[in-house]
């Protein structure tokens, strides 16, 4: 995914760092889409809150580990 983002010249904000696969479709029936098939972002945010929070924790830990590794390599 990283390679593809670089090839397409995406900024770092446009490159996903973490994602989940969810087995259920977003639909009007499960209240994640409007009748015009637009995503209900506020509902999706609540439905996926635990997964979103977990992804932020993983990304933060990975960034901290990279920073620590860079700092330790500079000290050598």
Protein backbone atom coordinates (compact mmCIF):
# COMPACT_ATOMS: atom_id res chain seq x y z
CA UNK A 1 0.00 0.00 0.00
CA UNK A 2 2.85 2.33 0.80
CA UNK A 3 4.44 1.73 -2.60
CA UNK A 4 1.18 2.44 -4.39
CA UNK A 5 0.71 5.67 -2.43
CA UNK A 6 4.19 6.78 -3.42
CA UNK A 7 3.59 5.91 -7.07
CA UNK A 8 0.37 7.93 -7.07
CA UNK A 9 2.20 10.81 -5.35
CA UNK A 10 -0.14 10.90 -2.36
CA UNK A 11 0.73 13.06 0.61
CA UNK A 12 1.32 11.38 3.96
CA UNK A 13 -2.17 12.43 5.06
CA UNK A 14 -3.70 10.60 2.10
CA UNK A 15 -1.92 7.30 2.74
CA UNK A 16 -3.78 4.92 5.06
CA UNK A 17 -1.57 3.54 7.81
CA UNK A 18 -4.07 1.10 9.24
CA UNK A 19 -7.40 -0.29 8.07
CA UNK A 20 -9.90 -2.96 8.98
CA UNK A 21 -12.00 -5.31 6.89
CA UNK A 22 -15.59 -5.45 8.02
CA UNK A 23 -17.69 -8.39 6.77
CA UNK A 24 -20.98 -6.49 6.63
CA UNK A 25 -21.88 -3.99 3.91
CA UNK A 26 -22.75 -0.45 4.87
CA UNK A 27 -26.43 -0.11 4.01
CA UNK A 28 -29.65 1.73 4.70
CA UNK A 29 -30.86 -1.33 6.62
CA UNK A 30 -28.04 -1.19 9.17
CA UNK A 31 -28.37 2.61 9.38
CA UNK A 32 -24.88 3.36 8.02
CA UNK A 33 -26.20 4.93 4.80
CA UNK A 34 -28.94 7.39 3.97
CA UNK A 35 -31.72 6.57 1.53
CA UNK A 36 -29.59 8.33 -1.13
CA UNK A 37 -26.67 5.98 -0.29
CA UNK A 38 -24.48 8.56 1.41
CA UNK A 39 -22.45 7.41 4.39
CA UNK A 40 -23.83 8.53 7.75
CA UNK A 41 -20.45 9.58 9.13
CA UNK A 42 -21.65 10.35 12.63
CA UNK A 43 -23.31 6.92 12.91
CA UNK A 44 -20.28 5.15 11.40
CA UNK A 45 -18.01 6.98 13.83
CA UNK A 46 -20.00 5.56 16.76
CA UNK A 47 -20.35 2.06 15.28
CA UNK A 48 -16.61 1.80 14.59
CA UNK A 49 -15.35 3.83 17.57
CA UNK A 50 -13.55 0.91 19.22
CA UNK A 51 -11.80 -0.10 15.98
CA UNK A 52 -10.86 3.52 15.18
CA UNK A 53 -9.42 4.04 18.67
CA UNK A 54 -7.46 0.78 18.41
CA UNK A 55 -5.98 1.85 15.06
CA UNK A 56 -4.86 5.19 16.50
CA UNK A 57 -3.16 3.38 19.39
CA UNK A 58 -1.30 1.06 16.97
CA UNK A 59 -0.20 3.93 14.73
CA UNK A 60 0.95 6.01 17.71
CA UNK A 61 2.97 3.10 19.12
CA UNK A 62 4.57 2.46 15.73
CA UNK A 63 5.50 6.13 15.33
CA UNK A 64 6.98 6.24 18.84
CA UNK A 65 9.03 3.12 18.13
CA UNK A 66 10.34 4.64 14.88
CA UNK A 67 11.27 7.86 16.68
CA UNK A 68 13.09 5.94 19.42
CA UNK A 69 14.95 3.89 16.85
CA UNK A 70 15.97 7.03 14.94
CA UNK A 71 17.10 8.72 18.15
CA UNK A 72 19.17 5.72 19.22
CA UNK A 73 20.82 5.46 15.79
CA UNK A 74 21.78 9.16 15.98
CA UNK A 75 23.42 8.63 19.37
CA UNK A 76 25.75 5.95 17.97
